[in-house]
Amino acid sequence: MVIVTNRIKTKLGFAEKMAPNFVRPSALQQFEGFIKVEVTVTQNLTDYDELNVNMYWESLEDFAVWRNSDSFKASHKRPEPGSEEEKQAKENSPILGNEIVIQNIVASTEAIPAN
Protein backbone atom coordinates (compact mmCIF):
# COMPACT_ATOMS: atom_id res chain seq x y z
CA MET A 1 0.00 0.00 0.00
CA VAL A 2 1.16 3.54 -0.73
CA ILE A 3 0.14 6.95 0.51
CA VAL A 4 0.38 9.82 -1.96
CA THR A 5 0.26 13.11 -0.10
CA ASN A 6 -0.32 16.48 -1.71
CA ARG A 7 1.03 19.02 0.81
CA ILE A 8 -0.65 22.29 -0.07
CA LYS A 9 0.40 25.62 1.42
CA THR A 10 -2.47 28.13 1.52
CA LYS A 11 -3.03 31.63 2.73
CA LEU A 12 -3.98 31.75 6.40
CA GLY A 13 -7.57 30.74 7.07
CA PHE A 14 -8.08 28.73 3.87
CA ALA A 15 -6.98 25.13 4.63
CA GLU A 16 -10.07 24.08 6.57
CA LYS A 17 -12.34 25.84 4.07
CA MET A 18 -10.75 23.93 1.18
CA ALA A 19 -10.63 20.49 2.87
CA PRO A 20 -14.19 19.35 1.97
CA ASN A 21 -13.42 19.83 -1.74
CA PHE A 22 -11.06 16.83 -1.62
CA VAL A 23 -13.55 14.33 -0.19
CA ARG A 24 -16.62 14.99 -2.32
CA PRO A 25 -18.05 11.98 -4.17
CA SER A 26 -16.20 11.58 -7.48
CA ALA A 27 -15.02 9.13 -10.12
CA LEU A 28 -11.86 8.65 -8.04
CA GLN A 29 -13.78 6.33 -5.72
CA GLN A 30 -14.36 3.85 -8.53
CA PHE A 31 -10.73 3.48 -9.64
CA GLU A 32 -9.10 0.12 -9.11
CA GLY A 33 -6.69 0.18 -6.20
CA PHE A 34 -8.13 3.31 -4.58
CA ILE A 35 -8.65 2.87 -0.83
CA LYS A 36 -9.45 6.27 0.69
CA VAL A 37 -8.62 9.95 1.06
CA GLU A 38 -7.93 11.65 4.37
CA VAL A 39 -7.39 15.39 4.66
CA THR A 40 -5.40 16.86 7.54
CA VAL A 41 -4.47 20.41 8.49
CA THR A 42 -1.11 21.05 10.15
CA GLN A 43 -1.49 22.78 13.50
CA ASN A 44 0.42 25.74 14.99
CA LEU A 45 1.68 27.37 11.79
CA THR A 46 1.70 31.17 11.79
CA ASP A 47 2.75 32.27 8.28
CA TYR A 48 0.49 30.02 6.19
CA ASP A 49 -1.87 27.05 6.47
CA GLU A 50 -0.87 23.56 5.35
CA LEU A 51 -3.41 21.11 4.00
CA ASN A 52 -2.34 17.48 3.52
CA VAL A 53 -4.44 15.42 1.11
CA ASN A 54 -3.48 11.79 1.82
CA MET A 55 -4.58 9.33 -0.86
CA TYR A 56 -4.26 5.65 -0.01
CA TRP A 57 -3.69 3.25 -2.95
CA GLU A 58 -3.04 -0.47 -3.25
CA SER A 59 -0.05 0.32 -5.51
CA LEU A 60 1.79 3.18 -7.15
CA GLU A 61 0.71 1.73 -10.51
CA ASP A 62 -2.97 2.14 -9.52
CA PHE A 63 -2.30 5.77 -8.58
CA ALA A 64 -0.56 6.31 -11.95
CA VAL A 65 -3.61 5.00 -13.83
CA TRP A 66 -5.80 7.55 -12.04
CA ARG A 67 -3.20 10.32 -12.45
CA ASN A 68 -3.19 9.76 -16.22
CA SER A 69 -6.97 9.40 -16.55
CA ASP A 70 -9.44 11.77 -18.18
CA SER A 71 -11.18 12.02 -14.78
CA PHE A 72 -8.02 13.40 -13.18
CA LYS A 73 -7.41 15.81 -16.04
CA ALA A 74 -11.00 17.10 -15.89
CA SER A 75 -10.90 17.64 -12.13
CA HIS A 76 -7.56 19.48 -12.33
CA LYS A 77 -8.25 21.56 -15.44
CA ARG A 78 -6.63 24.99 -15.35
CA PRO A 79 -6.85 28.06 -17.60
CA GLU A 80 -4.64 28.16 -20.68
CA PRO A 81 -1.02 29.04 -19.73
CA GLY A 82 -0.23 32.70 -20.39
CA SER A 83 -3.89 33.70 -20.68
CA GLU A 84 -5.54 36.54 -18.80
CA GLU A 85 -7.71 33.92 -17.07
CA GLU A 86 -4.59 32.16 -15.78
CA LYS A 87 -3.16 35.43 -14.46
CA GLN A 88 -6.39 36.26 -12.60
CA ALA A 89 -6.71 32.71 -11.24
CA LYS A 90 -3.18 32.88 -9.81
CA GLU A 91 -3.80 36.30 -8.24
CA ASN A 92 -7.06 35.14 -6.60
CA SER A 93 -5.92 31.67 -5.57
CA PRO A 94 -5.45 30.92 -1.87
CA ILE A 95 -2.83 28.31 -2.82
CA LEU A 96 0.77 29.38 -2.23
CA GLY A 97 2.40 26.13 -3.42
CA ASN A 98 2.35 22.38 -3.11
CA GLU A 99 4.55 19.29 -2.95
CA ILE A 100 3.73 15.66 -3.76
CA VAL A 101 5.14 13.09 -1.31
CA ILE A 102 4.92 9.34 -1.95
CA GLN A 103 5.31 6.93 0.95
CA ASN A 104 5.27 3.13 1.14
CA ILE A 105 3.63 1.61 4.19
CA VAL A 106 6.17 -0.91 5.46
CA ALA A 107 4.77 -1.66 8.92
CA SER A 108 1.58 -0.95 10.86
CA THR A 109 -0.42 -2.00 13.90
CA GLU A 110 -4.04 -1.65 14.91
CA ALA A 111 -5.95 -1.38 18.17
CA ILE A 112 -7.12 -4.59 19.85
CA PRO A 113 -10.91 -4.46 20.32
CA ALA A 114 -12.07 -4.56 23.95
CA ASN A 115 -14.30 -7.51 24.84
C-alpha atoms as a PDB file:
ATOM      1  CA  MET A   1       0.000   0.000   0.000  1.00  0.00           C
ATOM      2  CA  VAL A   2       1.165   3.541  -0.730  1.00  0.00           C
ATOM      3  CA  ILE A   3       0.143   6.951   0.510  1.00  0.00           C
ATOM      4  CA  VAL A   4       0.380   9.816  -1.963  1.00  0.00           C
ATOM      5  CA  THR A   5       0.261  13.111  -0.102  1.00  0.00           C
ATOM      6  CA  ASN A   6      -0.319  16.478  -1.712  1.00  0.00           C
ATOM      7  CA  ARG A   7       1.029  19.024   0.806  1.00  0.00           C
ATOM      8  CA  ILE A   8      -0.646  22.287  -0.067  1.00  0.00           C
ATOM      9  CA  LYS A   9       0.402  25.620   1.424  1.00  0.00           C
ATOM     10  CA  THR A  10      -2.465  28.128   1.523  1.00  0.00           C
ATOM     11  CA  LYS A  11      -3.029  31.631   2.733  1.00  0.00           C
ATOM     12  CA  LEU A  12      -3.983  31.752   6.403  1.00  0.00           C
ATOM     13  CA  GLY A  13      -7.574  30.735   7.069  1.00  0.00           C
ATOM     14  CA  PHE A  14      -8.082  28.726   3.868  1.00  0.00           C
ATOM     15  CA  ALA A  15      -6.979  25.130   4.630  1.00  0.00           C
ATOM     16  CA  GLU A  16     -10.069  24.079   6.570  1.00  0.00           C
ATOM     17  CA  LYS A  17     -12.340  25.840   4.075  1.00  0.00           C
ATOM     18  CA  MET A  18     -10.754  23.926   1.180  1.00  0.00           C
ATOM     19  CA  ALA A  19     -10.626  20.493   2.870  1.00  0.00           C
ATOM     20  CA  PRO A  20     -14.186  19.347   1.975  1.00  0.00           C
ATOM     21  CA  ASN A  21     -13.420  19.826  -1.745  1.00  0.00           C
ATOM     22  CA  PHE A  22     -11.065  16.832  -1.621  1.00  0.00           C
ATOM     23  CA  VAL A  23     -13.554  14.328  -0.191  1.00  0.00           C
ATOM     24  CA  ARG A  24     -16.615  14.989  -2.324  1.00  0.00           C
ATOM     25  CA  PRO A  25     -18.045  11.984  -4.174  1.00  0.00           C
ATOM     26  CA  SER A  26     -16.196  11.577  -7.478  1.00  0.00           C
ATOM     27  CA  ALA A  27     -15.018   9.131 -10.125  1.00  0.00           C
ATOM     28  CA  LEU A  28     -11.858   8.649  -8.043  1.00  0.00           C
ATOM     29  CA  GLN A  29     -13.777   6.329  -5.717  1.00  0.00           C
ATOM     30  CA  GLN A  30     -14.356   3.850  -8.534  1.00  0.00           C
ATOM     31  CA  PHE A  31     -10.734   3.481  -9.641  1.00  0.00           C
ATOM     32  CA  GLU A  32      -9.100   0.122  -9.106  1.00  0.00           C
ATOM     33  CA  GLY A  33      -6.685   0.182  -6.196  1.00  0.00           C
ATOM     34  CA  PHE A  34      -8.129   3.314  -4.584  1.00  0.00           C
ATOM     35  CA  ILE A  35      -8.654   2.874  -0.835  1.00  0.00           C
ATOM     36  CA  LYS A  36      -9.450   6.270   0.687  1.00  0.00           C
ATOM     37  CA  VAL A  37      -8.619   9.950   1.055  1.00  0.00           C
ATOM     38  CA  GLU A  38      -7.927  11.651   4.370  1.00  0.00           C
ATOM     39  CA  VAL A  39      -7.395  15.387   4.657  1.00  0.00           C
ATOM     40  CA  THR A  40      -5.405  16.858   7.538  1.00  0.00           C
ATOM     41  CA  VAL A  41      -4.467  20.409   8.493  1.00  0.00           C
ATOM     42  CA  THR A  42      -1.105  21.054  10.149  1.00  0.00           C
ATOM     43  CA  GLN A  43      -1.488  22.783  13.502  1.00  0.00           C
ATOM     44  CA  ASN A  44       0.423  25.737  14.986  1.00  0.00           C
ATOM     45  CA  LEU A  45       1.684  27.366  11.791  1.00  0.00           C
ATOM     46  CA  THR A  46       1.703  31.168  11.785  1.00  0.00           C
ATOM     47  CA  ASP A  47       2.747  32.273   8.281  1.00  0.00           C
ATOM     48  CA  TYR A  48       0.490  30.019   6.187  1.00  0.00           C
ATOM     49  CA  ASP A  49      -1.875  27.045   6.467  1.00  0.00           C
ATOM     50  CA  GLU A  50      -0.866  23.560   5.350  1.00  0.00           C
ATOM     51  CA  LEU A  51      -3.411  21.108   4.000  1.00  0.00           C
ATOM     52  CA  ASN A  52      -2.340  17.477   3.522  1.00  0.00           C
ATOM     53  CA  VAL A  53      -4.436  15.419   1.111  1.00  0.00           C
ATOM     54  CA  ASN A  54      -3.476  11.794   1.817  1.00  0.00           C
ATOM     55  CA  MET A  55      -4.581   9.325  -0.862  1.00  0.00           C
ATOM     56  CA  TYR A  56      -4.256   5.647  -0.009  1.00  0.00           C
ATOM     57  CA  TRP A  57      -3.694   3.250  -2.946  1.00  0.00           C
ATOM     58  CA  GLU A  58      -3.038  -0.475  -3.251  1.00  0.00           C
ATOM     59  CA  SER A  59      -0.054   0.317  -5.510  1.00  0.00           C
ATOM     60  CA  LEU A  60       1.786   3.179  -7.151  1.00  0.00           C
ATOM     61  CA  GLU A  61       0.706   1.730 -10.510  1.00  0.00           C
ATOM     62  CA  ASP A  62      -2.971   2.141  -9.522  1.00  0.00           C
ATOM     63  CA  PHE A  63      -2.299   5.765  -8.580  1.00  0.00           C
ATOM     64  CA  ALA A  64      -0.564   6.311 -11.946  1.00  0.00           C
ATOM     65  CA  VAL A  65      -3.612   4.999 -13.830  1.00  0.00           C
ATOM     66  CA  TRP A  66      -5.803   7.548 -12.043  1.00  0.00           C
ATOM     67  CA  ARG A  67      -3.195  10.316 -12.454  1.00  0.00           C
ATOM     68  CA  ASN A  68      -3.189   9.761 -16.218  1.00  0.00           C
ATOM     69  CA  SER A  69      -6.970   9.403 -16.550  1.00  0.00           C
ATOM     70  CA  ASP A  70      -9.438  11.766 -18.183  1.00  0.00           C
ATOM     71  CA  SER A  71     -11.182  12.015 -14.783  1.00  0.00           C
ATOM     72  CA  PHE A  72      -8.022  13.395 -13.178  1.00  0.00           C
ATOM     73  CA  LYS A  73      -7.414  15.807 -16.041  1.00  0.00           C
ATOM     74  CA  ALA A  74     -11.003  17.098 -15.892  1.00  0.00           C
ATOM     75  CA  SER A  75     -10.898  17.639 -12.131  1.00  0.00           C
ATOM     76  CA  HIS A  76      -7.556  19.483 -12.332  1.00  0.00           C
ATOM     77  CA  LYS A  77      -8.252  21.564 -15.438  1.00  0.00           C
ATOM     78  CA  ARG A  78      -6.633  24.993 -15.346  1.00  0.00           C
ATOM     79  CA  PRO A  79      -6.851  28.064 -17.597  1.00  0.00           C
ATOM     80  CA  GLU A  80      -4.643  28.163 -20.683  1.00  0.00           C
ATOM     81  CA  PRO A  81      -1.019  29.040 -19.726  1.00  0.00           C
ATOM     82  CA  GLY A  82      -0.232  32.700 -20.394  1.00  0.00           C
ATOM     83  CA  SER A  83      -3.890  33.700 -20.680  1.00  0.00           C
ATOM     84  CA  GLU A  84      -5.543  36.543 -18.799  1.00  0.00           C
ATOM     85  CA  GLU A  85      -7.709  33.918 -17.066  1.00  0.00           C
ATOM     86  CA  GLU A  86      -4.585  32.155 -15.780  1.00  0.00           C
ATOM     87  CA  LYS A  87      -3.165  35.432 -14.455  1.00  0.00           C
ATOM     88  CA  GLN A  88      -6.389  36.261 -12.601  1.00  0.00           C
ATOM     89  CA  ALA A  89      -6.708  32.712 -11.239  1.00  0.00           C
ATOM     90  CA  LYS A  90      -3.177  32.877  -9.807  1.00  0.00           C
ATOM     91  CA  GLU A  91      -3.800  36.299  -8.240  1.00  0.00           C
ATOM     92  CA  ASN A  92      -7.060  35.140  -6.605  1.00  0.00           C
ATOM     93  CA  SER A  93      -5.922  31.675  -5.569  1.00  0.00           C
ATOM     94  CA  PRO A  94      -5.449  30.923  -1.869  1.00  0.00           C
ATOM     95  CA  ILE A  95      -2.828  28.312  -2.823  1.00  0.00           C
ATOM     96  CA  LEU A  96       0.773  29.378  -2.233  1.00  0.00           C
ATOM     97  CA  GLY A  97       2.401  26.133  -3.422  1.00  0.00           C
ATOM     98  CA  ASN A  98       2.352  22.382  -3.111  1.00  0.00           C
ATOM     99  CA  GLU A  99       4.548  19.291  -2.951  1.00  0.00           C
ATOM    100  CA  ILE A 100       3.725  15.659  -3.764  1.00  0.00           C
ATOM    101  CA  VAL A 101       5.140  13.090  -1.309  1.00  0.00           C
ATOM    102  CA  ILE A 102       4.924   9.335  -1.954  1.00  0.00           C
ATOM    103  CA  GLN A 103       5.307   6.928   0.947  1.00  0.00           C
ATOM    104  CA  ASN A 104       5.274   3.130   1.143  1.00  0.00           C
ATOM    105  CA  ILE A 105       3.628   1.612   4.190  1.00  0.00           C
ATOM    106  CA  VAL A 106       6.169  -0.908   5.458  1.00  0.00           C
ATOM    107  CA  ALA A 107       4.767  -1.658   8.925  1.00  0.00           C
ATOM    108  CA  SER A 108       1.583  -0.946  10.856  1.00  0.00           C
ATOM    109  CA  THR A 109      -0.418  -1.998  13.897  1.00  0.00           C
ATOM    110  CA  GLU A 110      -4.040  -1.648  14.909  1.00  0.00           C
ATOM    111  CA  ALA A 111      -5.954  -1.382  18.165  1.00  0.00           C
ATOM    112  CA  ILE A 112      -7.121  -4.589  19.848  1.00  0.00           C
ATOM    113  CA  PRO A 113     -10.905  -4.460  20.321  1.00  0.00           C
ATOM    114  CA  ALA A 114     -12.074  -4.564  23.946  1.00  0.00           C
ATOM    115  CA  ASN A 115     -14.301  -7.512  24.838  1.00  0.00           C
END
